[in-house]
mmCIF file of all heavy atoms, coordinates in Angstrom:
data_MODEL
# 
_entry.id   MODEL 
# 
loop_
_atom_site.group_PDB 
_atom_site.id 
_atom_site.type_symbol 
_atom_site.label_atom_id 
_atom_site.label_alt_id 
_atom_site.label_comp_id 
_atom_site.label_asym_id 
_atom_site.label_entity_id 
_atom_site.label_seq_id 
_atom_site.pdbx_PDB_ins_code 
_atom_site.Cartn_x 
_atom_site.Cartn_y 
_atom_site.Cartn_z 
_atom_site.occupancy 
_atom_site.B_iso_or_equiv 
_atom_site.pdbx_formal_charge 
_atom_site.auth_seq_id 
_atom_site.auth_comp_id 
_atom_site.auth_asym_id 
_atom_site.auth_atom_id 
_atom_site.pdbx_PDB_model_num 
ATOM 1   N N   . ASP A 1 1  ? -71.518 -138.938 25.654 1.00 0.00 ? 1  ASP A N   1 
ATOM 2   C CA  . ASP A 1 1  ? -70.356 -139.064 26.682 1.00 0.00 ? 1  ASP A CA  1 
ATOM 3   C C   . ASP A 1 1  ? -69.185 -139.611 25.981 1.00 0.00 ? 1  ASP A C   1 
ATOM 4   O O   . ASP A 1 1  ? -69.125 -140.777 25.526 1.00 0.00 ? 1  ASP A O   1 
ATOM 5   C CB  . ASP A 1 1  ? -70.888 -140.034 27.820 1.00 0.00 ? 1  ASP A CB  1 
ATOM 6   C CG  . ASP A 1 1  ? -69.738 -140.174 28.865 1.00 0.00 ? 1  ASP A CG  1 
ATOM 7   O OD1 . ASP A 1 1  ? -68.638 -139.683 28.611 1.00 0.00 ? 1  ASP A OD1 1 
ATOM 8   O OD2 . ASP A 1 1  ? -69.944 -140.707 29.774 1.00 0.00 ? 1  ASP A OD2 1 
ATOM 9   N N   . ALA A 1 2  ? -68.190 -138.794 25.715 1.00 0.00 ? 2  ALA A N   1 
ATOM 10  C CA  . ALA A 1 2  ? -66.947 -139.183 25.014 1.00 0.00 ? 2  ALA A CA  1 
ATOM 11  C C   . ALA A 1 2  ? -65.790 -139.141 25.988 1.00 0.00 ? 2  ALA A C   1 
ATOM 12  O O   . ALA A 1 2  ? -64.595 -138.886 25.571 1.00 0.00 ? 2  ALA A O   1 
ATOM 13  C CB  . ALA A 1 2  ? -66.648 -138.256 23.803 1.00 0.00 ? 2  ALA A CB  1 
ATOM 14  N N   . SER A 1 3  ? -66.081 -139.562 27.251 1.00 0.00 ? 3  SER A N   1 
ATOM 15  C CA  . SER A 1 3  ? -64.818 -139.372 28.283 1.00 0.00 ? 3  SER A CA  1 
ATOM 16  C C   . SER A 1 3  ? -64.015 -140.732 28.388 1.00 0.00 ? 3  SER A C   1 
ATOM 17  O O   . SER A 1 3  ? -63.092 -140.751 29.093 1.00 0.00 ? 3  SER A O   1 
ATOM 18  C CB  . SER A 1 3  ? -65.580 -139.136 29.661 1.00 0.00 ? 3  SER A CB  1 
ATOM 19  O OG  . SER A 1 3  ? -66.417 -140.195 29.900 1.00 0.00 ? 3  SER A OG  1 
ATOM 20  N N   . THR A 1 4  ? -64.407 -141.783 27.522 1.00 0.00 ? 4  THR A N   1 
ATOM 21  C CA  . THR A 1 4  ? -63.594 -143.025 27.413 1.00 0.00 ? 4  THR A CA  1 
ATOM 22  C C   . THR A 1 4  ? -63.204 -143.128 26.014 1.00 0.00 ? 4  THR A C   1 
ATOM 23  O O   . THR A 1 4  ? -63.824 -142.699 25.150 1.00 0.00 ? 4  THR A O   1 
ATOM 24  C CB  . THR A 1 4  ? -64.395 -144.145 28.105 1.00 0.00 ? 4  THR A CB  1 
ATOM 25  O OG1 . THR A 1 4  ? -65.567 -144.365 27.369 1.00 0.00 ? 4  THR A OG1 1 
ATOM 26  C CG2 . THR A 1 4  ? -64.693 -144.003 29.462 1.00 0.00 ? 4  THR A CG2 1 
ATOM 27  N N   . HIS A 1 5  ? -62.155 -143.995 25.902 1.00 0.00 ? 5  HIS A N   1 
ATOM 28  C CA  . HIS A 1 5  ? -61.643 -144.369 24.616 1.00 0.00 ? 5  HIS A CA  1 
ATOM 29  C C   . HIS A 1 5  ? -62.613 -145.240 23.789 1.00 0.00 ? 5  HIS A C   1 
ATOM 30  O O   . HIS A 1 5  ? -63.280 -146.059 24.381 1.00 0.00 ? 5  HIS A O   1 
ATOM 31  C CB  . HIS A 1 5  ? -60.239 -145.114 24.635 1.00 0.00 ? 5  HIS A CB  1 
ATOM 32  C CG  . HIS A 1 5  ? -59.178 -144.128 25.023 1.00 0.00 ? 5  HIS A CG  1 
ATOM 33  N ND1 . HIS A 1 5  ? -58.639 -143.263 24.327 1.00 0.00 ? 5  HIS A ND1 1 
ATOM 34  C CD2 . HIS A 1 5  ? -58.252 -144.301 26.172 1.00 0.00 ? 5  HIS A CD2 1 
ATOM 35  C CE1 . HIS A 1 5  ? -57.642 -142.592 24.881 1.00 0.00 ? 5  HIS A CE1 1 
ATOM 36  N NE2 . HIS A 1 5  ? -57.370 -143.186 25.910 1.00 0.00 ? 5  HIS A NE2 1 
ATOM 37  N N   . GLY A 1 6  ? -62.723 -144.977 22.568 1.00 0.00 ? 6  GLY A N   1 
ATOM 38  C CA  . GLY A 1 6  ? -63.466 -145.853 21.669 1.00 0.00 ? 6  GLY A CA  1 
ATOM 39  C C   . GLY A 1 6  ? -62.669 -147.206 21.343 1.00 0.00 ? 6  GLY A C   1 
ATOM 40  O O   . GLY A 1 6  ? -61.430 -147.311 21.798 1.00 0.00 ? 6  GLY A O   1 
ATOM 41  N N   . ALA A 1 7  ? -63.291 -147.991 20.557 1.00 0.00 ? 7  ALA A N   1 
ATOM 42  C CA  . ALA A 1 7  ? -62.600 -149.271 20.134 1.00 0.00 ? 7  ALA A CA  1 
ATOM 43  C C   . ALA A 1 7  ? -61.317 -148.930 19.325 1.00 0.00 ? 7  ALA A C   1 
ATOM 44  O O   . ALA A 1 7  ? -61.203 -148.000 18.600 1.00 0.00 ? 7  ALA A O   1 
ATOM 45  C CB  . ALA A 1 7  ? -63.594 -150.124 19.413 1.00 0.00 ? 7  ALA A CB  1 
ATOM 46  N N   . THR A 1 8  ? -60.434 -149.926 19.523 1.00 0.00 ? 8  THR A N   1 
ATOM 47  C CA  . THR A 1 8  ? -59.193 -149.876 18.670 1.00 0.00 ? 8  THR A CA  1 
ATOM 48  C C   . THR A 1 8  ? -59.277 -150.639 17.416 1.00 0.00 ? 8  THR A C   1 
ATOM 49  O O   . THR A 1 8  ? -60.204 -151.573 17.406 1.00 0.00 ? 8  THR A O   1 
ATOM 50  C CB  . THR A 1 8  ? -57.914 -150.373 19.372 1.00 0.00 ? 8  THR A CB  1 
ATOM 51  O OG1 . THR A 1 8  ? -58.194 -151.800 19.784 1.00 0.00 ? 8  THR A OG1 1 
ATOM 52  C CG2 . THR A 1 8  ? -57.659 -149.513 20.707 1.00 0.00 ? 8  THR A CG2 1 
ATOM 53  N N   . CYS A 1 9  ? -58.524 -150.496 16.299 1.00 0.00 ? 9  CYS A N   1 
ATOM 54  C CA  . CYS A 1 9  ? -58.768 -151.059 15.100 1.00 0.00 ? 9  CYS A CA  1 
ATOM 55  C C   . CYS A 1 9  ? -58.132 -152.519 15.212 1.00 0.00 ? 9  CYS A C   1 
ATOM 56  O O   . CYS A 1 9  ? -57.056 -152.714 15.876 1.00 0.00 ? 9  CYS A O   1 
ATOM 57  C CB  . CYS A 1 9  ? -58.129 -150.364 13.965 1.00 0.00 ? 9  CYS A CB  1 
ATOM 58  S SG  . CYS A 1 9  ? -58.909 -148.737 13.659 1.00 0.00 ? 9  CYS A SG  1 
ATOM 59  N N   . PRO A 1 10 ? -58.690 -153.584 14.650 1.00 0.00 ? 10 PRO A N   1 
ATOM 60  C CA  . PRO A 1 10 ? -58.150 -154.947 14.809 1.00 0.00 ? 10 PRO A CA  1 
ATOM 61  C C   . PRO A 1 10 ? -56.829 -155.065 14.235 1.00 0.00 ? 10 PRO A C   1 
ATOM 62  O O   . PRO A 1 10 ? -56.457 -154.435 13.175 1.00 0.00 ? 10 PRO A O   1 
ATOM 63  C CB  . PRO A 1 10 ? -59.115 -155.647 13.775 1.00 0.00 ? 10 PRO A CB  1 
ATOM 64  C CG  . PRO A 1 10 ? -60.394 -154.962 13.869 1.00 0.00 ? 10 PRO A CG  1 
ATOM 65  C CD  . PRO A 1 10 ? -60.041 -153.457 13.933 1.00 0.00 ? 10 PRO A CD  1 
ATOM 66  N N   . SER A 1 11 ? -55.982 -155.861 14.888 1.00 0.00 ? 11 SER A N   1 
ATOM 67  C CA  . SER A 1 11 ? -54.543 -155.925 14.593 1.00 0.00 ? 11 SER A CA  1 
ATOM 68  C C   . SER A 1 11 ? -54.086 -157.307 15.290 1.00 0.00 ? 11 SER A C   1 
ATOM 69  O O   . SER A 1 11 ? -54.788 -157.874 15.976 1.00 0.00 ? 11 SER A O   1 
ATOM 70  C CB  . SER A 1 11 ? -53.759 -154.779 14.973 1.00 0.00 ? 11 SER A CB  1 
ATOM 71  O OG  . SER A 1 11 ? -53.722 -154.816 16.484 1.00 0.00 ? 11 SER A OG  1 
ATOM 72  N N   . SER A 1 12 ? -52.882 -157.623 14.914 1.00 0.00 ? 12 SER A N   1 
ATOM 73  C CA  . SER A 1 12 ? -52.249 -158.777 15.647 1.00 0.00 ? 12 SER A CA  1 
ATOM 74  C C   . SER A 1 12 ? -52.057 -158.599 17.161 1.00 0.00 ? 12 SER A C   1 
ATOM 75  O O   . SER A 1 12 ? -51.869 -159.563 17.854 1.00 0.00 ? 12 SER A O   1 
ATOM 76  C CB  . SER A 1 12 ? -50.908 -159.171 14.985 1.00 0.00 ? 12 SER A CB  1 
ATOM 77  O OG  . SER A 1 12 ? -50.028 -157.988 15.082 1.00 0.00 ? 12 SER A OG  1 
ATOM 78  N N   . ASN A 1 13 ? -52.284 -157.319 17.668 1.00 0.00 ? 13 ASN A N   1 
ATOM 79  C CA  . ASN A 1 13 ? -52.192 -157.140 19.151 1.00 0.00 ? 13 ASN A CA  1 
ATOM 80  C C   . ASN A 1 13 ? -53.228 -157.785 19.829 1.00 0.00 ? 13 ASN A C   1 
ATOM 81  O O   . ASN A 1 13 ? -53.153 -157.982 21.056 1.00 0.00 ? 13 ASN A O   1 
ATOM 82  C CB  . ASN A 1 13 ? -52.093 -155.587 19.324 1.00 0.00 ? 13 ASN A CB  1 
ATOM 83  C CG  . ASN A 1 13 ? -50.971 -154.816 18.805 1.00 0.00 ? 13 ASN A CG  1 
ATOM 84  O OD1 . ASN A 1 13 ? -49.982 -155.417 18.538 1.00 0.00 ? 13 ASN A OD1 1 
ATOM 85  N ND2 . ASN A 1 13 ? -51.154 -153.506 18.580 1.00 0.00 ? 13 ASN A ND2 1 
ATOM 86  N N   . MET A 1 14 ? -54.333 -158.023 19.136 1.00 0.00 ? 14 MET A N   1 
ATOM 87  C CA  . MET A 1 14 ? -55.580 -158.521 19.773 1.00 0.00 ? 14 MET A CA  1 
ATOM 88  C C   . MET A 1 14 ? -55.950 -157.936 21.028 1.00 0.00 ? 14 MET A C   1 
ATOM 89  O O   . MET A 1 14 ? -56.151 -158.551 22.187 1.00 0.00 ? 14 MET A O   1 
ATOM 90  C CB  . MET A 1 14 ? -55.368 -160.115 20.032 1.00 0.00 ? 14 MET A CB  1 
ATOM 91  C CG  . MET A 1 14 ? -55.243 -160.844 18.750 1.00 0.00 ? 14 MET A CG  1 
ATOM 92  S SD  . MET A 1 14 ? -55.041 -162.641 19.010 1.00 0.00 ? 14 MET A SD  1 
ATOM 93  C CE  . MET A 1 14 ? -53.351 -162.777 19.768 1.00 0.00 ? 14 MET A CE  1 
ATOM 94  N N   . ILE A 1 15 ? -56.104 -156.514 20.967 1.00 0.00 ? 15 ILE A N   1 
ATOM 95  C CA  . ILE A 1 15 ? -56.548 -155.843 22.055 1.00 0.00 ? 15 ILE A CA  1 
ATOM 96  C C   . ILE A 1 15 ? -58.071 -156.031 22.371 1.00 0.00 ? 15 ILE A C   1 
ATOM 97  O O   . ILE A 1 15 ? -58.888 -156.201 21.517 1.00 0.00 ? 15 ILE A O   1 
ATOM 98  C CB  . ILE A 1 15 ? -56.280 -154.267 21.757 1.00 0.00 ? 15 ILE A CB  1 
ATOM 99  C CG1 . ILE A 1 15 ? -54.845 -154.122 21.495 1.00 0.00 ? 15 ILE A CG1 1 
ATOM 100 C CG2 . ILE A 1 15 ? -56.860 -153.372 22.815 1.00 0.00 ? 15 ILE A CG2 1 
ATOM 101 C CD1 . ILE A 1 15 ? -54.414 -152.708 21.063 1.00 0.00 ? 15 ILE A CD1 1 
ATOM 102 N N   . PRO A 1 16 ? -58.363 -156.272 23.715 1.00 0.00 ? 16 PRO A N   1 
ATOM 103 C CA  . PRO A 1 16 ? -59.791 -156.651 24.026 1.00 0.00 ? 16 PRO A CA  1 
ATOM 104 C C   . PRO A 1 16 ? -60.827 -155.786 23.347 1.00 0.00 ? 16 PRO A C   1 
ATOM 105 O O   . PRO A 1 16 ? -62.031 -156.349 23.121 1.00 0.00 ? 16 PRO A O   1 
ATOM 106 C CB  . PRO A 1 16 ? -59.720 -156.601 25.637 1.00 0.00 ? 16 PRO A CB  1 
ATOM 107 C CG  . PRO A 1 16 ? -58.327 -156.808 25.961 1.00 0.00 ? 16 PRO A CG  1 
ATOM 108 C CD  . PRO A 1 16 ? -57.590 -156.165 24.802 1.00 0.00 ? 16 PRO A CD  1 
ATOM 109 N N   . ASN A 1 17 ? -60.703 -154.558 23.324 1.00 0.00 ? 17 ASN A N   1 
ATOM 110 C CA  . ASN A 1 17 ? -61.802 -153.609 22.955 1.00 0.00 ? 17 ASN A CA  1 
ATOM 111 C C   . ASN A 1 17 ? -61.768 -153.318 21.382 1.00 0.00 ? 17 ASN A C   1 
ATOM 112 O O   . ASN A 1 17 ? -62.317 -152.331 20.967 1.00 0.00 ? 17 ASN A O   1 
ATOM 113 C CB  . ASN A 1 17 ? -61.764 -152.249 23.697 1.00 0.00 ? 17 ASN A CB  1 
ATOM 114 C CG  . ASN A 1 17 ? -60.697 -151.389 23.281 1.00 0.00 ? 17 ASN A CG  1 
ATOM 115 O OD1 . ASN A 1 17 ? -59.569 -151.862 22.965 1.00 0.00 ? 17 ASN A OD1 1 
ATOM 116 N ND2 . ASN A 1 17 ? -60.817 -150.107 23.383 1.00 0.00 ? 17 ASN A ND2 1 
ATOM 117 N N   . GLU A 1 18 ? -61.069 -154.128 20.654 1.00 0.00 ? 18 GLU A N   1 
ATOM 118 C CA  . GLU A 1 18 ? -60.979 -153.951 19.191 1.00 0.00 ? 18 GLU A CA  1 
ATOM 119 C C   . GLU A 1 18 ? -62.207 -154.174 18.434 1.00 0.00 ? 18 GLU A C   1 
ATOM 120 O O   . GLU A 1 18 ? -63.136 -155.029 18.872 1.00 0.00 ? 18 GLU A O   1 
ATOM 121 C CB  . GLU A 1 18 ? -59.782 -154.754 18.552 1.00 0.00 ? 18 GLU A CB  1 
ATOM 122 C CG  . GLU A 1 18 ? -60.171 -156.290 18.536 1.00 0.00 ? 18 GLU A CG  1 
ATOM 123 C CD  . GLU A 1 18 ? -59.017 -157.043 17.931 1.00 0.00 ? 18 GLU A CD  1 
ATOM 124 O OE1 . GLU A 1 18 ? -57.901 -156.535 17.800 1.00 0.00 ? 18 GLU A OE1 1 
ATOM 125 O OE2 . GLU A 1 18 ? -59.187 -158.176 17.482 1.00 0.00 ? 18 GLU A OE2 1 
ATOM 126 N N   . SER A 1 19 ? -62.450 -153.481 17.347 1.00 0.00 ? 19 SER A N   1 
ATOM 127 C CA  . SER A 1 19 ? -63.758 -153.620 16.519 1.00 0.00 ? 19 SER A CA  1 
ATOM 128 C C   . SER A 1 19 ? -63.418 -152.842 15.212 1.00 0.00 ? 19 SER A C   1 
ATOM 129 O O   . SER A 1 19 ? -62.670 -152.115 15.071 1.00 0.00 ? 19 SER A O   1 
ATOM 130 C CB  . SER A 1 19 ? -64.839 -152.788 17.171 1.00 0.00 ? 19 SER A CB  1 
ATOM 131 O OG  . SER A 1 19 ? -66.020 -152.735 16.355 1.00 0.00 ? 19 SER A OG  1 
ATOM 132 N N   . GLU A 1 20 ? -64.083 -153.430 14.122 1.00 0.00 ? 20 GLU A N   1 
ATOM 133 C CA  . GLU A 1 20 ? -63.966 -152.864 12.912 1.00 0.00 ? 20 GLU A CA  1 
ATOM 134 C C   . GLU A 1 20 ? -64.581 -151.400 12.934 1.00 0.00 ? 20 GLU A C   1 
ATOM 135 O O   . GLU A 1 20 ? -64.297 -150.597 11.992 1.00 0.00 ? 20 GLU A O   1 
ATOM 136 C CB  . GLU A 1 20 ? -64.533 -153.672 11.739 1.00 0.00 ? 20 GLU A CB  1 
ATOM 137 C CG  . GLU A 1 20 ? -63.660 -154.836 11.312 1.00 0.00 ? 20 GLU A CG  1 
ATOM 138 C CD  . GLU A 1 20 ? -64.153 -155.501 10.070 1.00 0.00 ? 20 GLU A CD  1 
ATOM 139 O OE1 . GLU A 1 20 ? -63.779 -154.967 9.004  1.00 0.00 ? 20 GLU A OE1 1 
ATOM 140 O OE2 . GLU A 1 20 ? -64.718 -156.553 10.121 1.00 0.00 ? 20 GLU A OE2 1 
ATOM 141 N N   . ASP A 1 21 ? -65.427 -151.159 13.810 1.00 0.00 ? 21 ASP A N   1 
ATOM 142 C CA  . ASP A 1 21 ? -65.872 -149.837 14.019 1.00 0.00 ? 21 ASP A CA  1 
ATOM 143 C C   . ASP A 1 21 ? -65.030 -149.017 14.960 1.00 0.00 ? 21 ASP A C   1 
ATOM 144 O O   . ASP A 1 21 ? -65.211 -148.952 16.167 1.00 0.00 ? 21 ASP A O   1 
ATOM 145 C CB  . ASP A 1 21 ? -67.403 -149.874 14.633 1.00 0.00 ? 21 ASP A CB  1 
ATOM 146 C CG  . ASP A 1 21 ? -68.026 -148.532 14.842 1.00 0.00 ? 21 ASP A CG  1 
ATOM 147 O OD1 . ASP A 1 21 ? -67.416 -147.557 14.259 1.00 0.00 ? 21 ASP A OD1 1 
ATOM 148 O OD2 . ASP A 1 21 ? -69.065 -148.483 15.608 1.00 0.00 ? 21 ASP A OD2 1 
ATOM 149 N N   . CYS A 1 22 ? -63.857 -148.590 14.393 1.00 0.00 ? 22 CYS A N   1 
ATOM 150 C CA  . CYS A 1 22 ? -62.785 -148.107 15.318 1.00 0.00 ? 22 CYS A CA  1 
ATOM 151 C C   . CYS A 1 22 ? -62.226 -146.737 14.930 1.00 0.00 ? 22 CYS A C   1 
ATOM 152 O O   . CYS A 1 22 ? -61.280 -146.319 15.538 1.00 0.00 ? 22 CYS A O   1 
ATOM 153 C CB  . CYS A 1 22 ? -61.648 -149.111 15.161 1.00 0.00 ? 22 CYS A CB  1 
ATOM 154 S SG  . CYS A 1 22 ? -61.025 -149.276 13.372 1.00 0.00 ? 22 CYS A SG  1 
ATOM 155 N N   . LEU A 1 23 ? -62.971 -145.977 14.141 1.00 0.00 ? 23 LEU A N   1 
ATOM 156 C CA  . LEU A 1 23 ? -62.427 -144.752 13.651 1.00 0.00 ? 23 LEU A CA  1 
ATOM 157 C C   . LEU A 1 23 ? -62.761 -143.607 14.723 1.00 0.00 ? 23 LEU A C   1 
ATOM 158 O O   . LEU A 1 23 ? -63.614 -142.788 14.411 1.00 0.00 ? 23 LEU A O   1 
ATOM 159 C CB  . LEU A 1 23 ? -62.941 -144.287 12.322 1.00 0.00 ? 23 LEU A CB  1 
ATOM 160 C CG  . LEU A 1 23 ? -62.475 -145.152 11.255 1.00 0.00 ? 23 LEU A CG  1 
ATOM 161 C CD1 . LEU A 1 23 ? -62.935 -144.806 9.808  1.00 0.00 ? 23 LEU A CD1 1 
ATOM 162 C CD2 . LEU A 1 23 ? -60.957 -145.605 11.381 1.00 0.00 ? 23 LEU A CD2 1 
ATOM 163 N N   . PHE A 1 24 ? -62.022 -143.663 15.844 1.00 0.00 ? 24 PHE A N   1 
ATOM 164 C CA  . PHE A 1 24 ? -62.119 -142.743 16.840 1.00 0.00 ? 24 PHE A CA  1 
ATOM 165 C C   . PHE A 1 24 ? -60.973 -141.892 16.991 1.00 0.00 ? 24 PHE A C   1 
ATOM 166 O O   . PHE A 1 24 ? -59.810 -142.330 16.764 1.00 0.00 ? 24 PHE A O   1 
ATOM 167 C CB  . PHE A 1 24 ? -62.372 -143.421 18.245 1.00 0.00 ? 24 PHE A CB  1 
ATOM 168 C CG  . PHE A 1 24 ? -63.627 -144.160 18.317 1.00 0.00 ? 24 PHE A CG  1 
ATOM 169 C CD1 . PHE A 1 24 ? -63.739 -145.558 18.001 1.00 0.00 ? 24 PHE A CD1 1 
ATOM 170 C CD2 . PHE A 1 24 ? -64.764 -143.630 18.796 1.00 0.00 ? 24 PHE A CD2 1 
ATOM 171 C CE1 . PHE A 1 24 ? -64.820 -146.303 18.035 1.00 0.00 ? 24 PHE A CE1 1 
ATOM 172 C CE2 . PHE A 1 24 ? -65.937 -144.263 18.871 1.00 0.00 ? 24 PHE A CE2 1 
ATOM 173 C CZ  . PHE A 1 24 ? -66.018 -145.700 18.534 1.00 0.00 ? 24 PHE A CZ  1 
ATOM 174 N N   . LEU A 1 25 ? -61.150 -140.651 17.399 1.00 0.00 ? 25 LEU A N   1 
ATOM 175 C CA  . LEU A 1 25 ? -59.915 -139.774 17.806 1.00 0.00 ? 25 LEU A CA  1 
ATOM 176 C C   . LEU A 1 25 ? -60.070 -139.323 19.221 1.00 0.00 ? 25 LEU A C   1 
ATOM 177 O O   . LEU A 1 25 ? -61.224 -139.286 19.765 1.00 0.00 ? 25 LEU A O   1 
ATOM 178 C CB  . LEU A 1 25 ? -59.789 -138.668 16.813 1.00 0.00 ? 25 LEU A CB  1 
ATOM 179 C CG  . LEU A 1 25 ? -60.933 -137.729 16.386 1.00 0.00 ? 25 LEU A CG  1 
ATOM 180 C CD1 . LEU A 1 25 ? -61.156 -136.702 17.468 1.00 0.00 ? 25 LEU A CD1 1 
ATOM 181 C CD2 . LEU A 1 25 ? -60.579 -137.079 15.106 1.00 0.00 ? 25 LEU A CD2 1 
ATOM 182 N N   . ASN A 1 26 ? -58.964 -138.749 19.715 1.00 0.00 ? 26 ASN A N   1 
ATOM 183 C CA  . ASN A 1 26 ? -58.852 -138.322 21.115 1.00 0.00 ? 26 ASN A CA  1 
ATOM 184 C C   . ASN A 1 26 ? -58.379 -136.865 21.105 1.00 0.00 ? 26 ASN A C   1 
ATOM 185 O O   . ASN A 1 26 ? -57.324 -136.598 20.368 1.00 0.00 ? 26 ASN A O   1 
ATOM 186 C CB  . ASN A 1 26 ? -57.890 -139.113 21.892 1.00 0.00 ? 26 ASN A CB  1 
ATOM 187 C CG  . ASN A 1 26 ? -58.245 -140.604 21.703 1.00 0.00 ? 26 ASN A CG  1 
ATOM 188 O OD1 . ASN A 1 26 ? -59.288 -141.180 22.057 1.00 0.00 ? 26 ASN A OD1 1 
ATOM 189 N ND2 . ASN A 1 26 ? -57.223 -141.403 21.059 1.00 0.00 ? 26 ASN A ND2 1 
ATOM 190 N N   . VAL A 1 27 ? -58.895 -136.050 21.882 1.00 0.00 ? 27 VAL A N   1 
ATOM 191 C CA  . VAL A 1 27 ? -58.442 -134.599 21.956 1.00 0.00 ? 27 VAL A CA  1 
ATOM 192 C C   . VAL A 1 27 ? -57.970 -134.231 23.391 1.00 0.00 ? 27 VAL A C   1 
ATOM 193 O O   . VAL A 1 27 ? -58.671 -134.505 24.365 1.00 0.00 ? 27 VAL A O   1 
ATOM 194 C CB  . VAL A 1 27 ? -59.567 -133.658 21.602 1.00 0.00 ? 27 VAL A CB  1 
ATOM 195 C CG1 . VAL A 1 27 ? -59.021 -132.227 21.542 1.00 0.00 ? 27 VAL A CG1 1 
ATOM 196 C CG2 . VAL A 1 27 ? -60.147 -133.967 20.156 1.00 0.00 ? 27 VAL A CG2 1 
ATOM 197 N N   . TYR A 1 28 ? -56.822 -133.578 23.413 1.00 0.00 ? 28 TYR A N   1 
ATOM 198 C CA  . TYR A 1 28 ? -56.191 -133.244 24.746 1.00 0.00 ? 28 TYR A CA  1 
ATOM 199 C C   . TYR A 1 28 ? -56.178 -131.686 24.555 1.00 0.00 ? 28 TYR A C   1 
ATOM 200 O O   . TYR A 1 28 ? -55.502 -131.152 23.566 1.00 0.00 ? 28 TYR A O   1 
ATOM 201 C CB  . TYR A 1 28 ? -54.813 -133.794 24.859 1.00 0.00 ? 28 TYR A CB  1 
ATOM 202 C CG  . TYR A 1 28 ? -54.777 -135.282 25.095 1.00 0.00 ? 28 TYR A CG  1 
ATOM 203 C CD1 . TYR A 1 28 ? -54.772 -136.028 23.952 1.00 0.00 ? 28 TYR A CD1 1 
ATOM 204 C CD2 . TYR A 1 28 ? -54.641 -135.891 26.230 1.00 0.00 ? 28 TYR A CD2 1 
ATOM 205 C CE1 . TYR A 1 28 ? -54.774 -137.401 24.015 1.00 0.00 ? 28 TYR A CE1 1 
ATOM 206 C CE2 . TYR A 1 28 ? -54.577 -137.341 26.482 1.00 0.00 ? 28 TYR A CE2 1 
ATOM 207 C CZ  . TYR A 1 28 ? -54.650 -138.057 25.361 1.00 0.00 ? 28 TYR A CZ  1 
ATOM 208 O OH  . TYR A 1 28 ? -54.681 -139.447 25.414 1.00 0.00 ? 28 TYR A OH  1 
# 
């Protein structure tokens, strides 16, 4: 199930779903 976004890469933004396991892409 790839219908939701994966984790974002850690940054100063401190996004709640960040993780070092962040290499996701999105296709439209």
